Amino acid sequence: MRRLLDALYALGAGLAALSLLGIFLIMMAQVAMREMQMQLPAADDISAYLCVATTFFALAATFKRGELIRVGMGIERLGPAGRRWAEALVLALAAAVMAYVTRWTFEDMLFSWQIEEVAQGTVPIPLWIPKLAMPLGAGLLLVAILDELAGVLRGAKPSYVVAAEERAAAGDFSAEV
C-alpha cells in the first residue's frame, strides 16, 4: 500500500511538472509566433488552466515533503503525547476541509460537463477538462492527509516533520520562514 500511495503522490508531482512544462512551451510558442506576426489562439486561457493544474497536482507531494506552509509555534511546545494528539486533530480538520474542497470542485466540474460549458475565449475549450485537475489534485491531497493521519494515530512521526528535520540536519533551511 505504501508503494502505491507514494506512486500516486509522484504521479501528481509528475503531472504538475508536465503542466509547468506546458506553460513554458506555450509561452515560448507565443514569443516565436509574435516574431512572425502571428498569434497562438487561447494561449492565455490554456496557460491559466495549466497554472491551476500545476498548483493542484503538486499539493500532495508538496505536503508529504513538508514544503507547504506550516506554523508549528504552538505544537512544538507540547510534549510527545500532546503533540501527537494535536497533529491528529489538525490533520482531521485538514481532511474535513479537503473533503469539502474535493467534493465542491468535483461538483463544479461535473456541472460544467453536464451543461457543456465552454471557454468564452477564441477557442471554445470544454471547461470540464481544465476543471478536472482541481478535484483530482484536491482528492490526492485528501488521500495524503488521511495517510498522515493514519500514521500519526499509529504513533508514527508525520512525514512532513521527518522531511523538515532531515533538511535541518543537512543544514538546509531554505524551506523555513
N, C-alpha and C. Protein backbone atom coordinates (compact mmCIF):
# COMPACT_ATOMS: atom_id res chain seq x y z
N MET A 1 0.82 -1.19 0.00
CA MET A 1 0.00 0.00 0.00
C MET A 1 0.87 1.26 0.00
N ARG A 2 1.97 1.22 0.77
CA ARG A 2 2.85 2.37 0.84
C ARG A 2 3.41 2.73 -0.54
N ARG A 3 3.81 1.71 -1.29
CA ARG A 3 4.37 1.96 -2.63
C ARG A 3 3.33 2.56 -3.56
N LEU A 4 2.09 2.09 -3.46
CA LEU A 4 1.01 2.62 -4.29
C LEU A 4 0.75 4.08 -3.97
N LEU A 5 0.67 4.41 -2.68
CA LEU A 5 0.43 5.80 -2.29
C LEU A 5 1.58 6.71 -2.73
N ASP A 6 2.81 6.26 -2.51
CA ASP A 6 3.97 7.06 -2.93
C ASP A 6 3.98 7.24 -4.45
N ALA A 7 3.55 6.21 -5.18
CA ALA A 7 3.48 6.32 -6.64
C ALA A 7 2.40 7.33 -7.05
N LEU A 8 1.28 7.36 -6.32
CA LEU A 8 0.24 8.35 -6.61
C LEU A 8 0.73 9.77 -6.37
N TYR A 9 1.46 9.97 -5.26
CA TYR A 9 1.99 11.30 -4.98
C TYR A 9 3.01 11.70 -6.04
N ALA A 10 3.83 10.76 -6.47
CA ALA A 10 4.82 11.03 -7.52
C ALA A 10 4.11 11.32 -8.85
N LEU A 11 3.03 10.60 -9.13
CA LEU A 11 2.26 10.86 -10.35
C LEU A 11 1.70 12.28 -10.33
N GLY A 12 1.16 12.70 -9.19
CA GLY A 12 0.66 14.07 -9.08
C GLY A 12 1.76 15.09 -9.32
N ALA A 13 2.94 14.85 -8.74
CA ALA A 13 4.07 15.75 -8.95
C ALA A 13 4.50 15.74 -10.42
N GLY A 14 4.46 14.58 -11.03
CA GLY A 14 4.81 14.49 -12.46
C GLY A 14 3.83 15.25 -13.33
N LEU A 15 2.54 15.14 -13.02
CA LEU A 15 1.54 15.90 -13.78
C LEU A 15 1.71 17.40 -13.58
N ALA A 16 2.08 17.78 -12.36
CA ALA A 16 2.35 19.21 -12.11
C ALA A 16 3.54 19.67 -12.94
N ALA A 17 4.58 18.85 -13.01
CA ALA A 17 5.76 19.21 -13.80
C ALA A 17 5.40 19.30 -15.29
N LEU A 18 4.58 18.38 -15.78
CA LEU A 18 4.16 18.44 -17.19
C LEU A 18 3.32 19.68 -17.46
N SER A 19 2.47 20.05 -16.50
CA SER A 19 1.67 21.26 -16.66
C SER A 19 2.56 22.49 -16.72
N LEU A 20 3.58 22.51 -15.86
CA LEU A 20 4.52 23.64 -15.86
C LEU A 20 5.30 23.69 -17.17
N LEU A 21 5.69 22.52 -17.66
CA LEU A 21 6.36 22.46 -18.96
C LEU A 21 5.44 22.97 -20.06
N GLY A 22 4.16 22.62 -19.97
CA GLY A 22 3.19 23.10 -20.95
C GLY A 22 3.10 24.62 -20.96
N ILE A 23 3.12 25.23 -19.79
CA ILE A 23 3.10 26.70 -19.71
C ILE A 23 4.33 27.27 -20.40
N PHE A 24 5.49 26.69 -20.11
CA PHE A 24 6.73 27.15 -20.74
C PHE A 24 6.65 27.04 -22.26
N LEU A 25 6.19 25.89 -22.76
CA LEU A 25 6.12 25.69 -24.21
C LEU A 25 5.14 26.66 -24.87
N ILE A 26 4.03 26.92 -24.23
CA ILE A 26 3.06 27.88 -24.77
C ILE A 26 3.66 29.28 -24.81
N MET A 27 4.35 29.65 -23.74
CA MET A 27 4.96 30.99 -23.70
C MET A 27 6.04 31.13 -24.78
N MET A 28 6.84 30.09 -24.96
CA MET A 28 7.88 30.15 -25.99
C MET A 28 7.26 30.18 -27.39
N ALA A 29 6.17 29.44 -27.58
CA ALA A 29 5.48 29.47 -28.87
C ALA A 29 4.91 30.86 -29.14
N GLN A 30 4.38 31.50 -28.10
CA GLN A 30 3.86 32.85 -28.25
C GLN A 30 4.96 33.81 -28.69
N VAL A 31 6.11 33.70 -28.06
CA VAL A 31 7.24 34.57 -28.40
C VAL A 31 7.63 34.36 -29.86
N ALA A 32 7.79 33.11 -30.26
CA ALA A 32 8.20 32.80 -31.63
C ALA A 32 7.15 33.26 -32.63
N MET A 33 5.90 33.04 -32.33
CA MET A 33 4.84 33.42 -33.26
C MET A 33 4.68 34.92 -33.38
N ARG A 34 4.94 35.65 -32.29
CA ARG A 34 4.87 37.11 -32.37
C ARG A 34 5.91 37.66 -33.33
N GLU A 35 7.07 37.03 -33.35
CA GLU A 35 8.12 37.45 -34.28
C GLU A 35 7.70 37.24 -35.73
N MET A 36 6.79 36.32 -35.95
CA MET A 36 6.29 36.04 -37.30
C MET A 36 4.94 36.73 -37.55
N GLN A 37 4.59 37.68 -36.67
CA GLN A 37 3.34 38.42 -36.76
C GLN A 37 2.11 37.49 -36.71
N MET A 38 2.19 36.47 -35.86
CA MET A 38 1.09 35.52 -35.70
C MET A 38 0.72 35.45 -34.22
N GLN A 39 -0.42 34.82 -33.95
CA GLN A 39 -0.86 34.63 -32.58
C GLN A 39 -1.19 33.17 -32.34
N LEU A 40 -0.99 32.74 -31.11
CA LEU A 40 -1.39 31.39 -30.70
C LEU A 40 -2.76 31.53 -30.04
N PRO A 41 -3.82 31.03 -30.68
CA PRO A 41 -5.17 31.18 -30.12
C PRO A 41 -5.30 30.54 -28.75
N ALA A 42 -5.95 31.22 -27.85
CA ALA A 42 -6.27 30.75 -26.49
C ALA A 42 -5.05 30.48 -25.63
N ALA A 43 -3.91 31.03 -25.99
CA ALA A 43 -2.68 30.78 -25.22
C ALA A 43 -2.82 31.24 -23.77
N ASP A 44 -3.42 32.40 -23.56
CA ASP A 44 -3.59 32.89 -22.19
C ASP A 44 -4.53 31.99 -21.38
N ASP A 45 -5.62 31.56 -22.01
CA ASP A 45 -6.56 30.67 -21.32
C ASP A 45 -5.89 29.35 -20.95
N ILE A 46 -5.22 28.75 -21.91
CA ILE A 46 -4.58 27.46 -21.66
C ILE A 46 -3.49 27.59 -20.61
N SER A 47 -2.73 28.68 -20.65
CA SER A 47 -1.70 28.90 -19.63
C SER A 47 -2.33 29.01 -18.24
N ALA A 48 -3.45 29.68 -18.15
CA ALA A 48 -4.15 29.82 -16.86
C ALA A 48 -4.64 28.46 -16.38
N TYR A 49 -5.20 27.66 -17.28
CA TYR A 49 -5.67 26.33 -16.89
C TYR A 49 -4.49 25.46 -16.41
N LEU A 50 -3.38 25.55 -17.12
CA LEU A 50 -2.21 24.77 -16.73
C LEU A 50 -1.62 25.25 -15.41
N CYS A 51 -1.74 26.53 -15.12
CA CYS A 51 -1.26 27.06 -13.84
C CYS A 51 -2.07 26.47 -12.69
N VAL A 52 -3.37 26.37 -12.87
CA VAL A 52 -4.23 25.76 -11.86
C VAL A 52 -3.88 24.28 -11.71
N ALA A 53 -3.68 23.59 -12.83
CA ALA A 53 -3.33 22.17 -12.80
C ALA A 53 -1.99 21.97 -12.08
N THR A 54 -1.02 22.84 -12.37
CA THR A 54 0.28 22.75 -11.70
C THR A 54 0.11 22.85 -10.19
N THR A 55 -0.68 23.79 -9.76
CA THR A 55 -0.90 24.00 -8.33
C THR A 55 -1.57 22.81 -7.68
N PHE A 56 -2.68 22.37 -8.24
CA PHE A 56 -3.44 21.30 -7.60
C PHE A 56 -2.73 19.95 -7.66
N PHE A 57 -2.10 19.63 -8.78
CA PHE A 57 -1.42 18.34 -8.88
C PHE A 57 -0.20 18.26 -7.95
N ALA A 58 0.41 19.38 -7.63
CA ALA A 58 1.60 19.38 -6.78
C ALA A 58 1.28 19.35 -5.28
N LEU A 59 0.04 19.55 -4.89
CA LEU A 59 -0.30 19.68 -3.48
C LEU A 59 0.11 18.48 -2.63
N ALA A 60 -0.23 17.28 -3.04
CA ALA A 60 0.03 16.10 -2.21
C ALA A 60 1.52 15.86 -2.01
N ALA A 61 2.29 15.92 -3.10
CA ALA A 61 3.73 15.69 -2.98
C ALA A 61 4.39 16.78 -2.15
N THR A 62 3.93 18.01 -2.31
CA THR A 62 4.48 19.12 -1.54
C THR A 62 4.16 18.94 -0.06
N PHE A 63 2.96 18.51 0.24
CA PHE A 63 2.54 18.25 1.62
C PHE A 63 3.39 17.15 2.25
N LYS A 64 3.56 16.05 1.53
CA LYS A 64 4.31 14.91 2.08
C LYS A 64 5.77 15.27 2.32
N ARG A 65 6.33 16.17 1.54
CA ARG A 65 7.73 16.57 1.71
C ARG A 65 7.89 17.70 2.73
N GLY A 66 6.80 18.13 3.32
CA GLY A 66 6.87 19.17 4.34
C GLY A 66 7.20 20.53 3.76
N GLU A 67 6.78 20.79 2.54
CA GLU A 67 7.11 22.06 1.89
C GLU A 67 5.93 23.01 1.79
N LEU A 68 4.79 22.62 2.34
CA LEU A 68 3.68 23.55 2.44
C LEU A 68 3.90 24.41 3.68
N ILE A 69 3.32 25.58 3.70
CA ILE A 69 3.48 26.48 4.84
C ILE A 69 2.82 25.84 6.06
N ARG A 70 3.56 25.77 7.13
CA ARG A 70 3.08 25.15 8.37
C ARG A 70 3.55 26.00 9.53
N VAL A 71 2.65 26.35 10.42
CA VAL A 71 3.00 27.13 11.60
C VAL A 71 3.02 26.17 12.78
N GLY A 72 4.19 25.96 13.36
CA GLY A 72 4.33 25.00 14.43
C GLY A 72 4.68 25.60 15.77
N MET A 73 4.49 26.90 15.92
CA MET A 73 4.90 27.56 17.16
C MET A 73 4.20 26.98 18.39
N GLY A 74 2.93 26.68 18.27
CA GLY A 74 2.20 26.14 19.42
C GLY A 74 2.44 24.67 19.61
N ILE A 75 2.40 23.93 18.54
CA ILE A 75 2.53 22.48 18.62
C ILE A 75 3.93 22.04 19.06
N GLU A 76 4.93 22.84 18.75
CA GLU A 76 6.31 22.50 19.11
C GLU A 76 6.56 22.62 20.61
N ARG A 77 5.69 23.30 21.33
CA ARG A 77 5.84 23.45 22.78
C ARG A 77 5.22 22.30 23.57
N LEU A 78 4.49 21.44 22.87
CA LEU A 78 3.81 20.33 23.54
C LEU A 78 4.76 19.15 23.71
N GLY A 79 4.45 18.30 24.65
CA GLY A 79 5.20 17.07 24.83
C GLY A 79 4.83 16.08 23.73
N PRO A 80 5.49 14.93 23.69
CA PRO A 80 5.23 13.96 22.62
C PRO A 80 3.76 13.53 22.51
N ALA A 81 3.12 13.23 23.63
CA ALA A 81 1.72 12.79 23.58
C ALA A 81 0.80 13.92 23.15
N GLY A 82 1.00 15.10 23.71
CA GLY A 82 0.19 16.25 23.33
C GLY A 82 0.38 16.62 21.87
N ARG A 83 1.62 16.54 21.43
CA ARG A 83 1.92 16.86 20.03
C ARG A 83 1.24 15.86 19.09
N ARG A 84 1.27 14.59 19.47
CA ARG A 84 0.65 13.56 18.63
C ARG A 84 -0.83 13.83 18.48
N TRP A 85 -1.52 14.15 19.59
CA TRP A 85 -2.95 14.41 19.50
C TRP A 85 -3.26 15.73 18.81
N ALA A 86 -2.41 16.71 18.98
CA ALA A 86 -2.59 17.98 18.26
C ALA A 86 -2.42 17.76 16.76
N GLU A 87 -1.40 16.99 16.38
CA GLU A 87 -1.18 16.67 14.96
C GLU A 87 -2.41 15.94 14.41
N ALA A 88 -2.92 14.98 15.17
CA ALA A 88 -4.09 14.21 14.73
C ALA A 88 -5.30 15.12 14.56
N LEU A 89 -5.51 16.03 15.50
CA LEU A 89 -6.64 16.96 15.41
C LEU A 89 -6.51 17.85 14.18
N VAL A 90 -5.33 18.41 13.98
CA VAL A 90 -5.12 19.30 12.85
C VAL A 90 -5.27 18.54 11.53
N LEU A 91 -4.74 17.33 11.47
CA LEU A 91 -4.88 16.52 10.26
C LEU A 91 -6.34 16.15 10.00
N ALA A 92 -7.08 15.86 11.06
CA ALA A 92 -8.51 15.55 10.89
C ALA A 92 -9.27 16.77 10.37
N LEU A 93 -8.96 17.94 10.89
CA LEU A 93 -9.59 19.18 10.40
C LEU A 93 -9.20 19.44 8.95
N ALA A 94 -7.93 19.25 8.64
CA ALA A 94 -7.46 19.43 7.25
C ALA A 94 -8.16 18.45 6.32
N ALA A 95 -8.35 17.22 6.77
CA ALA A 95 -9.04 16.23 5.95
C ALA A 95 -10.48 16.64 5.70
N ALA A 96 -11.15 17.18 6.72
CA ALA A 96 -12.53 17.63 6.55
C ALA A 96 -12.61 18.77 5.54
N VAL A 97 -11.69 19.71 5.64
CA VAL A 97 -11.67 20.84 4.69
C VAL A 97 -11.40 20.34 3.28
N MET A 98 -10.42 19.45 3.12
CA MET A 98 -10.08 18.95 1.79
C MET A 98 -11.18 18.06 1.23
N ALA A 99 -11.91 17.35 2.07
CA ALA A 99 -13.05 16.56 1.59
C ALA A 99 -14.11 17.49 1.01
N TYR A 100 -14.34 18.61 1.69
CA TYR A 100 -15.29 19.61 1.19
C TYR A 100 -14.80 20.20 -0.13
N VAL A 101 -13.54 20.59 -0.19
CA VAL A 101 -12.98 21.18 -1.42
C VAL A 101 -13.04 20.18 -2.57
N THR A 102 -12.70 18.93 -2.29
CA THR A 102 -12.74 17.90 -3.33
C THR A 102 -14.16 17.72 -3.86
N ARG A 103 -15.10 17.62 -2.94
CA ARG A 103 -16.50 17.45 -3.37
C ARG A 103 -16.99 18.65 -4.15
N TRP A 104 -16.71 19.85 -3.66
CA TRP A 104 -17.19 21.05 -4.32
C TRP A 104 -16.58 21.20 -5.71
N THR A 105 -15.27 20.98 -5.84
CA THR A 105 -14.64 21.12 -7.16
C THR A 105 -15.10 20.02 -8.10
N PHE A 106 -15.38 18.82 -7.57
CA PHE A 106 -15.92 17.75 -8.42
C PHE A 106 -17.30 18.12 -8.93
N GLU A 107 -18.15 18.63 -8.04
CA GLU A 107 -19.49 19.03 -8.45
C GLU A 107 -19.45 20.15 -9.48
N ASP A 108 -18.53 21.09 -9.32
CA ASP A 108 -18.37 22.18 -10.28
C ASP A 108 -17.93 21.64 -11.64
N MET A 109 -16.97 20.72 -11.63
CA MET A 109 -16.50 20.12 -12.88
C MET A 109 -17.63 19.33 -13.54
N LEU A 110 -18.37 18.56 -12.76
CA LEU A 110 -19.47 17.75 -13.29
C LEU A 110 -20.56 18.65 -13.88
N PHE A 111 -20.87 19.75 -13.20
CA PHE A 111 -21.87 20.68 -13.71
C PHE A 111 -21.43 21.27 -15.05
N SER A 112 -20.15 21.62 -15.16
CA SER A 112 -19.63 22.15 -16.42
C SER A 112 -19.77 21.12 -17.54
N TRP A 113 -19.56 19.86 -17.21
CA TRP A 113 -19.70 18.79 -18.20
C TRP A 113 -21.16 18.63 -18.60
N GLN A 114 -22.07 18.66 -17.60
CA GLN A 114 -23.49 18.44 -17.86
C GLN A 114 -24.09 19.54 -18.73
N ILE A 115 -23.69 20.78 -18.51
CA ILE A 115 -24.27 21.88 -19.29
C ILE A 115 -23.44 22.20 -20.53
N GLU A 116 -22.38 21.41 -20.74
CA GLU A 116 -21.49 21.60 -21.89
C GLU A 116 -20.92 23.01 -21.95
N GLU A 117 -20.46 23.47 -20.79
CA GLU A 117 -19.88 24.80 -20.66
C GLU A 117 -18.54 24.86 -21.41
N VAL A 118 -18.34 25.94 -22.15
CA VAL A 118 -17.10 26.12 -22.89
C VAL A 118 -16.50 27.48 -22.55
N ALA A 119 -15.19 27.59 -22.77
CA ALA A 119 -14.49 28.85 -22.53
C ALA A 119 -15.01 29.92 -23.48
N GLN A 120 -15.01 31.16 -23.01
CA GLN A 120 -15.52 32.26 -23.81
C GLN A 120 -14.46 32.88 -24.70
N GLY A 121 -13.25 32.32 -24.69
CA GLY A 121 -12.15 32.87 -25.49
C GLY A 121 -12.26 32.51 -26.96
N THR A 122 -11.15 32.64 -27.66
CA THR A 122 -11.14 32.38 -29.10
C THR A 122 -11.30 30.91 -29.45
N VAL A 123 -10.96 30.03 -28.52
CA VAL A 123 -11.12 28.59 -28.72
C VAL A 123 -12.12 28.09 -27.68
N PRO A 124 -13.23 27.49 -28.12
CA PRO A 124 -14.26 27.03 -27.18
C PRO A 124 -13.85 25.71 -26.49
N ILE A 125 -12.99 25.81 -25.51
CA ILE A 125 -12.50 24.65 -24.78
C ILE A 125 -13.57 24.20 -23.78
N PRO A 126 -13.97 22.93 -23.80
CA PRO A 126 -14.91 22.46 -22.78
C PRO A 126 -14.28 22.64 -21.40
N LEU A 127 -14.93 23.39 -20.53
CA LEU A 127 -14.33 23.77 -19.25
C LEU A 127 -14.22 22.62 -18.25
N TRP A 128 -14.94 21.54 -18.46
CA TRP A 128 -14.80 20.42 -17.53
C TRP A 128 -13.40 19.82 -17.62
N ILE A 129 -12.76 19.95 -18.76
CA ILE A 129 -11.42 19.37 -18.93
C ILE A 129 -10.39 20.06 -18.03
N PRO A 130 -10.23 21.39 -18.10
CA PRO A 130 -9.27 22.01 -17.19
C PRO A 130 -9.73 21.96 -15.73
N LYS A 131 -11.05 21.95 -15.49
CA LYS A 131 -11.55 21.88 -14.11
C LYS A 131 -11.30 20.53 -13.47
N LEU A 132 -11.06 19.50 -14.25
CA LEU A 132 -10.82 18.16 -13.73
C LEU A 132 -9.58 18.11 -12.84
N ALA A 133 -8.61 18.97 -13.09
CA ALA A 133 -7.38 18.99 -12.29
C ALA A 133 -7.66 19.35 -10.83
N MET A 134 -8.68 20.15 -10.59
CA MET A 134 -8.96 20.58 -9.22
C MET A 134 -9.45 19.44 -8.32
N PRO A 135 -10.49 18.70 -8.69
CA PRO A 135 -10.89 17.61 -7.79
C PRO A 135 -9.85 16.48 -7.74
N LEU A 136 -9.13 16.25 -8.83
CA LEU A 136 -8.09 15.22 -8.79
C LEU A 136 -6.97 15.60 -7.84
N GLY A 137 -6.49 16.83 -7.95
CA GLY A 137 -5.41 17.29 -7.08
C GLY A 137 -5.86 17.42 -5.64
N ALA A 138 -7.05 17.95 -5.43
CA ALA A 138 -7.58 18.09 -4.06
C ALA A 138 -7.83 16.71 -3.45
N GLY A 139 -8.33 15.79 -4.25
CA GLY A 139 -8.56 14.43 -3.77
C GLY A 139 -7.26 13.73 -3.41
N LEU A 140 -6.23 13.97 -4.20
CA LEU A 140 -4.92 13.38 -3.90
C LEU A 140 -4.35 13.97 -2.61
N LEU A 141 -4.55 15.27 -2.39
CA LEU A 141 -4.12 15.86 -1.12
C LEU A 141 -4.92 15.28 0.04
N LEU A 142 -6.20 15.06 -0.16
CA LEU A 142 -7.03 14.44 0.87
C LEU A 142 -6.48 13.06 1.23
N VAL A 143 -6.12 12.28 0.22
CA VAL A 143 -5.54 10.96 0.48
C VAL A 143 -4.25 11.09 1.27
N ALA A 144 -3.40 12.06 0.89
CA ALA A 144 -2.13 12.27 1.60
C ALA A 144 -2.36 12.66 3.06
N ILE A 145 -3.35 13.51 3.30
CA ILE A 145 -3.66 13.93 4.67
C ILE A 145 -4.17 12.74 5.47
N LEU A 146 -5.05 11.95 4.89
CA LEU A 146 -5.56 10.75 5.59
C LEU A 146 -4.44 9.74 5.83
N ASP A 147 -3.52 9.65 4.90
CA ASP A 147 -2.34 8.79 5.05
C ASP A 147 -1.52 9.24 6.26
N GLU A 148 -1.29 10.53 6.38
CA GLU A 148 -0.55 11.06 7.53
C GLU A 148 -1.32 10.87 8.83
N LEU A 149 -2.64 11.10 8.78
CA LEU A 149 -3.47 10.93 9.97
C LEU A 149 -3.41 9.49 10.47
N ALA A 150 -3.49 8.53 9.56
CA ALA A 150 -3.40 7.12 9.95
C ALA A 150 -2.05 6.84 10.60
N GLY A 151 -0.99 7.39 10.04
CA GLY A 151 0.34 7.19 10.62
C GLY A 151 0.45 7.79 12.01
N VAL A 152 -0.05 9.01 12.17
CA VAL A 152 0.02 9.69 13.47
C VAL A 152 -0.78 8.91 14.51
N LEU A 153 -1.94 8.41 14.12
CA LEU A 153 -2.76 7.64 15.07
C LEU A 153 -2.09 6.32 15.45
N ARG A 154 -1.22 5.80 14.58
CA ARG A 154 -0.45 4.59 14.91
C ARG A 154 0.80 4.92 15.71
N GLY A 155 1.06 6.20 15.91
CA GLY A 155 2.22 6.62 16.71
C GLY A 155 3.43 7.03 15.90
N ALA A 156 3.31 7.08 14.59
CA ALA A 156 4.45 7.46 13.74
C ALA A 156 4.58 8.99 13.69
N LYS A 157 5.78 9.43 13.42
CA LYS A 157 6.03 10.86 13.23
C LYS A 157 5.60 11.21 11.81
N PRO A 158 4.89 12.33 11.60
CA PRO A 158 4.44 12.70 10.26
C PRO A 158 5.62 12.86 9.29
N SER A 159 5.40 12.44 8.05
CA SER A 159 6.49 12.51 7.07
C SER A 159 6.93 13.95 6.81
N TYR A 160 6.01 14.91 6.93
CA TYR A 160 6.40 16.30 6.71
C TYR A 160 7.30 16.79 7.83
N VAL A 161 7.14 16.28 9.04
CA VAL A 161 8.03 16.62 10.15
C VAL A 161 9.40 15.97 9.94
N VAL A 162 9.38 14.69 9.54
CA VAL A 162 10.63 13.97 9.27
C VAL A 162 11.42 14.67 8.17
N ALA A 163 10.72 15.07 7.10
CA ALA A 163 11.39 15.75 5.99
C ALA A 163 12.01 17.08 6.44
N ALA A 164 11.29 17.84 7.26
CA ALA A 164 11.82 19.11 7.76
C ALA A 164 13.03 18.87 8.66
N GLU A 165 12.97 17.84 9.50
CA GLU A 165 14.11 17.51 10.37
C GLU A 165 15.33 17.09 9.55
N GLU A 166 15.11 16.32 8.49
CA GLU A 166 16.22 15.90 7.64
C GLU A 166 16.85 17.08 6.93
N ARG A 167 16.02 18.02 6.47
CA ARG A 167 16.57 19.23 5.83
C ARG A 167 17.38 20.04 6.83
N ALA A 168 16.86 20.18 8.05
CA ALA A 168 17.57 20.94 9.08
C ALA A 168 18.88 20.26 9.45
N ALA A 169 18.89 18.93 9.55
CA ALA A 169 20.11 18.20 9.89
C ALA A 169 21.17 18.36 8.80
N ALA A 170 20.71 18.52 7.56
CA ALA A 170 21.63 18.69 6.44
C ALA A 170 22.05 20.16 6.28
N GLY A 171 21.54 21.03 7.14
CA GLY A 171 21.89 22.45 7.06
C GLY A 171 21.10 23.21 6.02
N ASP A 172 20.01 22.62 5.53
CA ASP A 172 19.16 23.26 4.52
C ASP A 172 17.96 23.89 5.21
N PHE A 173 17.98 25.20 5.33
CA PHE A 173 16.88 25.91 5.95
C PHE A 173 16.10 26.72 4.92
N SER A 174 16.19 26.32 3.64
CA SER A 174 15.54 27.06 2.57
C SER A 174 14.02 27.02 2.66
N ALA A 175 13.46 25.98 3.23
CA ALA A 175 12.01 25.87 3.34
C ALA A 175 11.47 26.54 4.60
N GLU A 176 12.35 26.94 5.49
CA GLU A 176 11.91 27.55 6.74
C GLU A 176 11.74 29.04 6.55
N VAL A 177 10.71 29.60 7.20
CA VAL A 177 10.46 31.02 7.09
C VAL A 177 10.79 31.67 8.41
